[in-house]
């Protein structure tokens, strides 16, 4: 784990974040922060506000009220492009991968290097893609392999290798273990540990508390657009957290 004692402030700090869609108030004064090289689990039932919160961070939505600081500086994230330019990368459930394209093409999608003649530099893409995959511990014979032929865990690995290659400071993983087999889940959790070891901060969104407990330093629980818990993982357990989510969502 990275030594966070060197940093006087969180990597990302959100204060009093509000967001409404018509009469529906999705976020109600949320405070949220994440440190350098920290893994934070973001949990809550369906409709709790998790997706809205990460879409504010990733630039798909803009908060109606509140402040966001990145590395201590105020930021106004107006688009996903601006979010990525700040070093924030989001890997959604569908991973936004093109199954009919190769691993290398997927890793560089939209950011392909070119030769002096303006052609796609496939050799550079192949070499750098393999370096990213190998660094993550993902064993793939060739970066020419079509993504559509990979397992679910391998696809998550490709999506995570992409954000590592482009030097993300913060990675948001939206349900990264959903519908995966046990072995694939272990692979994805190991990818998350690798991100942390590289000093990359991770927001891990999940309904499966057992998975997040394996890798998270801290767990934040949201219900009805408000933060109802923010607990160091070592100070709680799955049963206690489940009770918090149920009580916060449905009442006593």
C-alpha atoms as a PDB file:
ATOM      1  CA  UNK A   1       0.000   0.000   0.000  1.00  0.00           C
ATOM      2  CA  UNK A   2       1.245   3.520  -0.721  1.00  0.00           C
ATOM      3  CA  UNK A   3       2.499   5.637   2.169  1.00  0.00           C
ATOM      4  CA  UNK A   4      -0.297   8.159   2.526  1.00  0.00           C
ATOM      5  CA  UNK A   5       1.497   9.970   5.388  1.00  0.00           C
ATOM      6  CA  UNK A   6       3.351  11.995   2.727  1.00  0.00           C
ATOM      7  CA  UNK A   7       0.123  13.652   1.640  1.00  0.00           C
ATOM      8  CA  UNK A   8      -1.498  16.433   3.652  1.00  0.00           C
ATOM      9  CA  UNK A   9      -4.828  16.171   1.812  1.00  0.00           C
ATOM     10  CA  UNK A  10      -6.928  13.545   0.041  1.00  0.00           C
ATOM     11  CA  UNK A  11      -6.488  12.953  -3.669  1.00  0.00           C
ATOM     12  CA  UNK A  12     -10.190  13.700  -4.195  1.00  0.00           C
ATOM     13  CA  UNK A  13     -12.469  15.552  -1.794  1.00  0.00           C
ATOM     14  CA  UNK A  14     -16.166  16.203  -2.427  1.00  0.00           C
ATOM     15  CA  UNK A  15     -18.111  18.446  -0.055  1.00  0.00           C
ATOM     16  CA  UNK A  16     -21.889  18.973   0.239  1.00  0.00           C
ATOM     17  CA  UNK A  17     -22.688  17.494  -3.183  1.00  0.00           C
ATOM     18  CA  UNK A  18     -26.318  17.834  -4.286  1.00  0.00           C
ATOM     19  CA  UNK A  19     -27.855  16.540  -7.501  1.00  0.00           C
ATOM     20  CA  UNK A  20     -31.497  16.454  -8.570  1.00  0.00           C
ATOM     21  CA  UNK A  21     -33.287  15.198 -11.662  1.00  0.00           C
ATOM     22  CA  UNK A  22     -36.553  17.085 -11.761  1.00  0.00           C
ATOM     23  CA  UNK A  23     -38.286  16.321  -8.457  1.00  0.00           C
ATOM     24  CA  UNK A  24     -36.018  13.395  -7.682  1.00  0.00           C
ATOM     25  CA  UNK A  25     -33.178  14.350  -5.339  1.00  0.00           C
ATOM     26  CA  UNK A  26     -30.455  11.795  -6.100  1.00  0.00           C
ATOM     27  CA  UNK A  27     -27.723  13.247  -3.866  1.00  0.00           C
ATOM     28  CA  UNK A  28     -28.400  15.165  -0.670  1.00  0.00           C
ATOM     29  CA  UNK A  29     -25.301  16.897   0.663  1.00  0.00           C
ATOM     30  CA  UNK A  30     -22.819  14.053   0.158  1.00  0.00           C
ATOM     31  CA  UNK A  31     -19.292  14.390   1.558  1.00  0.00           C
ATOM     32  CA  UNK A  32     -16.836  11.924   0.060  1.00  0.00           C
ATOM     33  CA  UNK A  33     -13.064  11.669  -0.087  1.00  0.00           C
ATOM     34  CA  UNK A  34     -10.369   9.209  -1.112  1.00  0.00           C
ATOM     35  CA  UNK A  35      -6.664   9.278  -0.305  1.00  0.00           C
ATOM     36  CA  UNK A  36      -3.654   8.602  -2.492  1.00  0.00           C
ATOM     37  CA  UNK A  37      -3.279   4.875  -3.131  1.00  0.00           C
ATOM     38  CA  UNK A  38      -6.432   4.111  -1.147  1.00  0.00           C
ATOM     39  CA  UNK A  39      -9.178   1.638  -2.086  1.00  0.00           C
ATOM     40  CA  UNK A  40     -12.635   2.781  -0.975  1.00  0.00           C
ATOM     41  CA  UNK A  41     -15.652   0.516  -1.313  1.00  0.00           C
ATOM     42  CA  UNK A  42     -18.848   2.362  -2.256  1.00  0.00           C
ATOM     43  CA  UNK A  43     -21.905   0.376  -1.229  1.00  0.00           C
ATOM     44  CA  UNK A  44     -25.667   0.764  -1.003  1.00  0.00           C
ATOM     45  CA  UNK A  45     -28.877  -0.678  -2.385  1.00  0.00           C
ATOM     46  CA  UNK A  46     -30.241   0.049  -5.866  1.00  0.00           C
ATOM     47  CA  UNK A  47     -31.230   3.697  -6.178  1.00  0.00           C
ATOM     48  CA  UNK A  48     -29.039   4.759  -3.255  1.00  0.00           C
ATOM     49  CA  UNK A  49     -27.155   7.354  -5.331  1.00  0.00           C
ATOM     50  CA  UNK A  50     -23.906   5.480  -6.023  1.00  0.00           C
ATOM     51  CA  UNK A  51     -24.159   5.764  -9.805  1.00  0.00           C
ATOM     52  CA  UNK A  52     -25.046   9.452  -9.646  1.00  0.00           C
ATOM     53  CA  UNK A  53     -22.076  10.167  -7.402  1.00  0.00           C
ATOM     54  CA  UNK A  54     -19.579   8.463  -9.704  1.00  0.00           C
ATOM     55  CA  UNK A  55     -21.128  10.135 -12.748  1.00  0.00           C
ATOM     56  CA  UNK A  56     -20.491  13.503 -11.088  1.00  0.00           C
ATOM     57  CA  UNK A  57     -16.849  12.483 -10.569  1.00  0.00           C
ATOM     58  CA  UNK A  58     -16.533  11.163 -14.123  1.00  0.00           C
ATOM     59  CA  UNK A  59     -18.127  14.216 -15.734  1.00  0.00           C
ATOM     60  CA  UNK A  60     -21.399  12.715 -17.003  1.00  0.00           C
ATOM     61  CA  UNK A  61     -23.370  14.831 -14.534  1.00  0.00           C
ATOM     62  CA  UNK A  62     -22.581  18.153 -12.904  1.00  0.00           C
ATOM     63  CA  UNK A  63     -23.477  18.735  -9.271  1.00  0.00           C
ATOM     64  CA  UNK A  64     -26.170  21.320  -8.555  1.00  0.00           C
ATOM     65  CA  UNK A  65     -24.318  22.381  -5.421  1.00  0.00           C
ATOM     66  CA  UNK A  66     -21.086  21.578  -3.600  1.00  0.00           C
ATOM     67  CA  UNK A  67     -17.352  21.584  -4.242  1.00  0.00           C
ATOM     68  CA  UNK A  68     -14.866  19.092  -5.671  1.00  0.00           C
ATOM     69  CA  UNK A  69     -11.143  19.316  -4.936  1.00  0.00           C
ATOM     70  CA  UNK A  70      -8.570  17.216  -6.769  1.00  0.00           C
ATOM     71  CA  UNK A  71      -5.100  17.251  -5.227  1.00  0.00           C
ATOM     72  CA  UNK A  72      -6.222  20.238  -3.182  1.00  0.00           C
ATOM     73  CA  UNK A  73      -7.359  22.306  -6.164  1.00  0.00           C
ATOM     74  CA  UNK A  74     -10.999  23.117  -7.012  1.00  0.00           C
ATOM     75  CA  UNK A  75     -12.161  21.455 -10.222  1.00  0.00           C
ATOM     76  CA  UNK A  76     -15.318  21.776 -12.292  1.00  0.00           C
ATOM     77  CA  UNK A  77     -15.648  18.548 -14.268  1.00  0.00           C
ATOM     78  CA  UNK A  78     -17.949  19.266 -17.203  1.00  0.00           C
ATOM     79  CA  UNK A  79     -17.440  16.129 -19.329  1.00  0.00           C
ATOM     80  CA  UNK A  80     -15.937  12.625 -19.326  1.00  0.00           C
ATOM     81  CA  UNK A  81     -13.118  14.022 -21.487  1.00  0.00           C
ATOM     82  CA  UNK A  82     -12.244  16.572 -18.783  1.00  0.00           C
ATOM     83  CA  UNK A  83     -12.402  13.845 -16.130  1.00  0.00           C
ATOM     84  CA  UNK A  84      -9.941  11.658 -18.043  1.00  0.00           C
ATOM     85  CA  UNK A  85      -7.665  14.658 -18.635  1.00  0.00           C
ATOM     86  CA  UNK A  86      -7.501  15.067 -14.841  1.00  0.00           C
ATOM     87  CA  UNK A  87      -6.419  11.437 -14.435  1.00  0.00           C
ATOM     88  CA  UNK A  88      -9.808   9.976 -13.497  1.00  0.00           C
ATOM     89  CA  UNK A  89     -10.788   6.822 -15.369  1.00  0.00           C
ATOM     90  CA  UNK A  90     -14.054   4.893 -15.008  1.00  0.00           C
ATOM     91  CA  UNK A  91     -14.516   1.220 -15.864  1.00  0.00           C
ATOM     92  CA  UNK A  92     -18.249   0.511 -16.129  1.00  0.00           C
ATOM     93  CA  UNK A  93     -19.957  -2.869 -15.871  1.00  0.00           C
ATOM     94  CA  UNK A  94     -19.847  -3.342 -19.649  1.00  0.00           C
ATOM     95  CA  UNK A  95     -16.169  -2.192 -19.655  1.00  0.00           C
ATOM     96  CA  UNK A  96     -16.777  -0.215 -22.888  1.00  0.00           C
ATOM     97  CA  UNK A  97     -14.704  -2.771 -24.805  1.00  0.00           C
ATOM     98  CA  UNK A  98     -15.200  -3.651 -28.468  1.00  0.00           C
ATOM     99  CA  UNK A  99     -15.334  -7.477 -28.643  1.00  0.00           C
ATOM    100  CA  UNK A 100     -14.623  -7.551 -32.403  1.00  0.00           C
ATOM    101  CA  UNK A 101     -11.324  -5.677 -31.980  1.00  0.00           C
ATOM    102  CA  UNK A 102      -7.959  -6.880 -30.642  1.00  0.00           C
ATOM    103  CA  UNK A 103      -6.697  -6.318 -27.117  1.00  0.00           C
ATOM    104  CA  UNK A 104      -4.217  -3.723 -28.367  1.00  0.00           C
ATOM    105  CA  UNK A 105      -6.887  -1.793 -30.271  1.00  0.00           C
ATOM    106  CA  UNK A 106      -9.111  -1.807 -27.175  1.00  0.00           C
ATOM    107  CA  UNK A 107      -6.369  -0.533 -24.889  1.00  0.00           C
ATOM    108  CA  UNK A 108      -5.612   2.373 -27.246  1.00  0.00           C
ATOM    109  CA  UNK A 109      -9.167   2.997 -28.467  1.00  0.00           C
ATOM    110  CA  UNK A 110      -9.458   6.692 -29.356  1.00  0.00           C
ATOM    111  CA  UNK A 111      -5.841   7.325 -28.333  1.00  0.00           C
ATOM    112  CA  UNK A 112      -3.941   5.355 -30.972  1.00  0.00           C
ATOM    113  CA  UNK A 113      -0.301   6.378 -31.565  1.00  0.00           C
ATOM    114  CA  UNK A 114       0.689   7.114 -35.151  1.00  0.00           C
ATOM    115  CA  UNK A 115       3.844   6.863 -37.248  1.00  0.00           C
ATOM    116  CA  UNK A 116       5.517   9.835 -38.930  1.00  0.00           C
ATOM    117  CA  UNK A 117       3.375   9.010 -41.970  1.00  0.00           C
ATOM    118  CA  UNK A 118       0.206   9.373 -39.923  1.00  0.00           C
ATOM    119  CA  UNK A 119      -0.574   5.650 -39.919  1.00  0.00           C
ATOM    120  CA  UNK A 120      -1.602   3.706 -36.844  1.00  0.00           C
ATOM    121  CA  UNK A 121       1.567   2.529 -35.074  1.00  0.00           C
ATOM    122  CA  UNK A 122       0.597  -1.109 -34.481  1.00  0.00           C
ATOM    123  CA  UNK A 123       4.063  -2.171 -33.280  1.00  0.00           C
ATOM    124  CA  UNK A 124       4.073   0.426 -30.515  1.00  0.00           C
ATOM    125  CA  UNK A 125       0.499  -0.507 -29.579  1.00  0.00           C
ATOM    126  CA  UNK A 126       1.395  -4.215 -29.380  1.00  0.00           C
ATOM    127  CA  UNK A 127       4.516  -3.619 -27.301  1.00  0.00           C
ATOM    128  CA  UNK A 128       2.977  -1.164 -24.853  1.00  0.00           C
ATOM    129  CA  UNK A 129      -0.207  -3.232 -24.525  1.00  0.00           C
ATOM    130  CA  UNK A 130       1.798  -6.333 -23.637  1.00  0.00           C
ATOM    131  CA  UNK A 131       3.799  -4.328 -21.089  1.00  0.00           C
ATOM    132  CA  UNK A 132       0.577  -3.125 -19.456  1.00  0.00           C
ATOM    133  CA  UNK A 133      -0.922  -6.639 -19.374  1.00  0.00           C
ATOM    134  CA  UNK A 134       2.266  -8.224 -18.042  1.00  0.00           C
ATOM    135  CA  UNK A 135       2.609  -5.558 -15.364  1.00  0.00           C
ATOM    136  CA  UNK A 136      -0.891  -6.388 -14.205  1.00  0.00           C
ATOM    137  CA  UNK A 137      -0.076 -10.089 -14.072  1.00  0.00           C
ATOM    138  CA  UNK A 138      -2.450 -10.899 -16.935  1.00  0.00           C
ATOM    139  CA  UNK A 139      -1.044 -13.693 -19.097  1.00  0.00           C
ATOM    140  CA  UNK A 140      -2.102 -13.276 -22.727  1.00  0.00           C
ATOM    141  CA  UNK A 141      -0.203 -14.849 -25.626  1.00  0.00           C
ATOM    142  CA  UNK A 142      -0.804 -12.058 -28.094  1.00  0.00           C
ATOM    143  CA  UNK A 143      -2.308  -8.570 -28.013  1.00  0.00           C
ATOM    144  CA  UNK A 144      -3.810  -9.416 -31.419  1.00  0.00           C
ATOM    145  CA  UNK A 145      -6.276 -11.698 -29.601  1.00  0.00           C
ATOM    146  CA  UNK A 146      -9.867 -10.541 -30.050  1.00  0.00           C
ATOM    147  CA  UNK A 147     -11.433  -9.287 -26.832  1.00  0.00           C
ATOM    148  CA  UNK A 148     -14.589 -11.256 -27.632  1.00  0.00           C
ATOM    149  CA  UNK A 149     -12.681 -14.516 -27.067  1.00  0.00           C
ATOM    150  CA  UNK A 150     -11.564 -13.582 -23.503  1.00  0.00           C
ATOM    151  CA  UNK A 151     -13.120 -14.632 -20.202  1.00  0.00           C
ATOM    152  CA  UNK A 152     -14.963 -12.088 -18.057  1.00  0.00           C
ATOM    153  CA  UNK A 153     -12.011 -11.745 -15.701  1.00  0.00           C
ATOM    154  CA  UNK A 154      -9.602 -11.244 -18.586  1.00  0.00           C
ATOM    155  CA  UNK A 155     -11.845  -8.550 -20.063  1.00  0.00           C
ATOM    156  CA  UNK A 156     -11.797  -6.687 -16.754  1.00  0.00           C
ATOM    157  CA  UNK A 157      -8.026  -7.042 -16.817  1.00  0.00           C
ATOM    158  CA  UNK A 158      -7.828  -5.460 -20.266  1.00  0.00           C
ATOM    159  CA  UNK A 159     -10.036  -2.562 -19.147  1.00  0.00           C
ATOM    160  CA  UNK A 160      -7.868  -2.034 -16.048  1.00  0.00           C
ATOM    161  CA  UNK A 161      -4.621  -2.348 -18.067  1.00  0.00           C
ATOM    162  CA  UNK A 162      -5.923   0.459 -20.268  1.00  0.00           C
ATOM    163  CA  UNK A 163      -6.312   2.867 -17.340  1.00  0.00           C
ATOM    164  CA  UNK A 164      -2.914   1.903 -15.910  1.00  0.00           C
ATOM    165  CA  UNK A 165      -1.229   2.564 -19.257  1.00  0.00           C
ATOM    166  CA  UNK A 166      -2.712   6.042 -19.456  1.00  0.00           C
ATOM    167  CA  UNK A 167      -1.486   6.885 -15.941  1.00  0.00           C
ATOM    168  CA  UNK A 168      -4.771   7.227 -14.094  1.00  0.00           C
ATOM    169  CA  UNK A 169      -4.610   8.763 -10.612  1.00  0.00           C
ATOM    170  CA  UNK A 170      -8.084   7.550  -9.682  1.00  0.00           C
ATOM    171  CA  UNK A 171      -9.888   4.517 -11.097  1.00  0.00           C
ATOM    172  CA  UNK A 172     -13.619   3.990 -10.561  1.00  0.00           C
ATOM    173  CA  UNK A 173     -14.666   0.346 -10.913  1.00  0.00           C
ATOM    174  CA  UNK A 174     -18.418  -0.082 -11.319  1.00  0.00           C
ATOM    175  CA  UNK A 175     -19.436  -3.618 -10.217  1.00  0.00           C
ATOM    176  CA  UNK A 176     -16.196  -5.147 -11.565  1.00  0.00           C
ATOM    177  CA  UNK A 177     -16.967  -8.651 -10.233  1.00  0.00           C
ATOM    178  CA  UNK A 178     -20.591  -8.922 -11.352  1.00  0.00           C
ATOM    179  CA  UNK A 179     -21.466 -12.213 -13.095  1.00  0.00           C
ATOM    180  CA  UNK A 180     -17.901 -13.542 -12.796  1.00  0.00           C
ATOM    181  CA  UNK A 181     -16.868 -17.037 -11.750  1.00  0.00           C
ATOM    182  CA  UNK A 182     -14.960 -17.472  -8.467  1.00  0.00           C
ATOM    183  CA  UNK A 183     -11.553 -17.736 -10.177  1.00  0.00           C
ATOM    184  CA  UNK A 184     -12.256 -14.616 -12.250  1.00  0.00           C
ATOM    185  CA  UNK A 185     -13.313 -12.705  -9.136  1.00  0.00           C
ATOM    186  CA  UNK A 186      -9.966 -13.542  -7.534  1.00  0.00           C
ATOM    187  CA  UNK A 187      -8.180 -12.241 -10.631  1.00  0.00           C
ATOM    188  CA  UNK A 188     -10.070  -8.936 -10.564  1.00  0.00           C
ATOM    189  CA  UNK A 189      -9.412  -8.443  -6.837  1.00  0.00           C
ATOM    190  CA  UNK A 190      -5.724  -9.035  -7.506  1.00  0.00           C
ATOM    191  CA  UNK A 191      -5.870  -6.379 -10.255  1.00  0.00           C
ATOM    192  CA  UNK A 192      -7.274  -3.941  -7.657  1.00  0.00           C
ATOM    193  CA  UNK A 193      -4.427  -4.750  -5.264  1.00  0.00           C
ATOM    194  CA  UNK A 194      -1.985  -4.086  -8.099  1.00  0.00           C
ATOM    195  CA  UNK A 195      -3.515  -0.664  -8.724  1.00  0.00           C
ATOM    196  CA  UNK A 196      -3.104   0.205  -5.045  1.00  0.00           C
ATOM    197  CA  UNK A 197       0.509  -1.016  -5.053  1.00  0.00           C
ATOM    198  CA  UNK A 198       1.150   1.371  -7.958  1.00  0.00           C
ATOM    199  CA  UNK A 199      -0.232   4.276  -5.904  1.00  0.00           C
ATOM    200  CA  UNK A 200      -3.475   4.461  -7.884  1.00  0.00           C
ATOM    201  CA  UNK A 201      -6.622   5.257  -5.876  1.00  0.00           C
ATOM    202  CA  UNK A 202      -9.659   3.040  -6.499  1.00  0.00           C
ATOM    203  CA  UNK A 203     -13.374   3.502  -5.873  1.00  0.00           C
ATOM    204  CA  UNK A 204     -14.866  -0.010  -5.902  1.00  0.00           C
ATOM    205  CA  UNK A 205     -18.651  -0.015  -6.354  1.00  0.00           C
ATOM    206  CA  UNK A 206     -20.370  -3.296  -5.557  1.00  0.00           C
ATOM    207  CA  UNK A 207     -23.399  -5.059  -4.110  1.00  0.00           C
ATOM    208  CA  UNK A 208     -21.203  -7.998  -3.095  1.00  0.00           C
ATOM    209  CA  UNK A 209     -19.778  -7.020   0.271  1.00  0.00           C
ATOM    210  CA  UNK A 210     -17.542 -10.083   0.574  1.00  0.00           C
ATOM    211  CA  UNK A 211     -15.621  -8.960  -2.517  1.00  0.00           C
ATOM    212  CA  UNK A 212     -15.027  -5.403  -1.381  1.00  0.00           C
ATOM    213  CA  UNK A 213     -13.917  -6.550   2.078  1.00  0.00           C
ATOM    214  CA  UNK A 214     -11.007  -8.390   0.481  1.00  0.00           C
ATOM    215  CA  UNK A 215      -9.454  -5.228  -0.984  1.00  0.00           C
ATOM    216  CA  UNK A 216     -10.957  -2.041   0.486  1.00  0.00           C
ATOM    217  CA  UNK A 217      -9.220   0.083   3.107  1.00  0.00           C
ATOM    218  CA  UNK A 218     -12.468   1.852   3.885  1.00  0.00           C
ATOM    219  CA  UNK A 219     -16.150   1.406   3.046  1.00  0.00           C
ATOM    220  CA  UNK A 220     -18.678   4.188   2.436  1.00  0.00           C
ATOM    221  CA  UNK A 221     -22.390   3.393   2.492  1.00  0.00           C
ATOM    222  CA  UNK A 222     -25.007   5.559   0.767  1.00  0.00           C
ATOM    223  CA  UNK A 223     -28.793   5.372   1.190  1.00  0.00           C
ATOM    224  CA  UNK A 224     -31.422   7.701  -0.303  1.00  0.00           C
ATOM    225  CA  UNK A 225     -28.721  10.067  -1.546  1.00  0.00           C
ATOM    226  CA  UNK A 226     -27.018  10.552   1.818  1.00  0.00           C
ATOM    227  CA  UNK A 227     -23.885   9.060   3.336  1.00  0.00           C
ATOM    228  CA  UNK A 228     -24.856   6.896   6.294  1.00  0.00           C
ATOM    229  CA  UNK A 229     -21.528   5.217   7.077  1.00  0.00           C
ATOM    230  CA  UNK A 230     -17.817   5.696   6.470  1.00  0.00           C
ATOM    231  CA  UNK A 231     -15.889   2.929   8.215  1.00  0.00           C
ATOM    232  CA  UNK A 232     -12.377   1.503   8.074  1.00  0.00           C
ATOM    233  CA  UNK A 233     -12.737  -2.083   6.853  1.00  0.00           C
ATOM    234  CA  UNK A 234     -10.743  -3.405   9.813  1.00  0.00           C
ATOM    235  CA  UNK A 235     -13.347  -1.919  12.185  1.00  0.00           C
ATOM    236  CA  UNK A 236     -16.399  -3.695  10.769  1.00  0.00           C
ATOM    237  CA  UNK A 237     -17.566  -6.939   9.161  1.00  0.00           C
ATOM    238  CA  UNK A 238     -19.927  -8.076   6.411  1.00  0.00           C
ATOM    239  CA  UNK A 239     -22.880  -8.725   8.741  1.00  0.00           C
ATOM    240  CA  UNK A 240     -22.594  -5.332  10.430  1.00  0.00           C
ATOM    241  CA  UNK A 241     -22.348  -3.542   7.089  1.00  0.00           C
ATOM    242  CA  UNK A 242     -25.328  -5.486   5.714  1.00  0.00           C
ATOM    243  CA  UNK A 243     -27.385  -4.353   8.706  1.00  0.00           C
ATOM    244  CA  UNK A 244     -26.356  -0.730   8.132  1.00  0.00           C
ATOM    245  CA  UNK A 245     -27.425  -0.924   4.472  1.00  0.00           C
ATOM    246  CA  UNK A 246     -30.777  -2.554   5.306  1.00  0.00           C
ATOM    247  CA  UNK A 247     -31.594  -0.115   8.131  1.00  0.00           C
ATOM    248  CA  UNK A 248     -30.544   2.877   6.016  1.00  0.00           C
ATOM    249  CA  UNK A 249     -32.582   1.738   3.030  1.00  0.00           C
ATOM    250  CA  UNK A 250     -35.716   0.352   4.648  1.00  0.00           C
ATOM    251  CA  UNK A 251     -35.647   1.703   8.200  1.00  0.00           C
ATOM    252  CA  UNK A 252     -35.729  -0.296  11.419  1.00  0.00           C
END
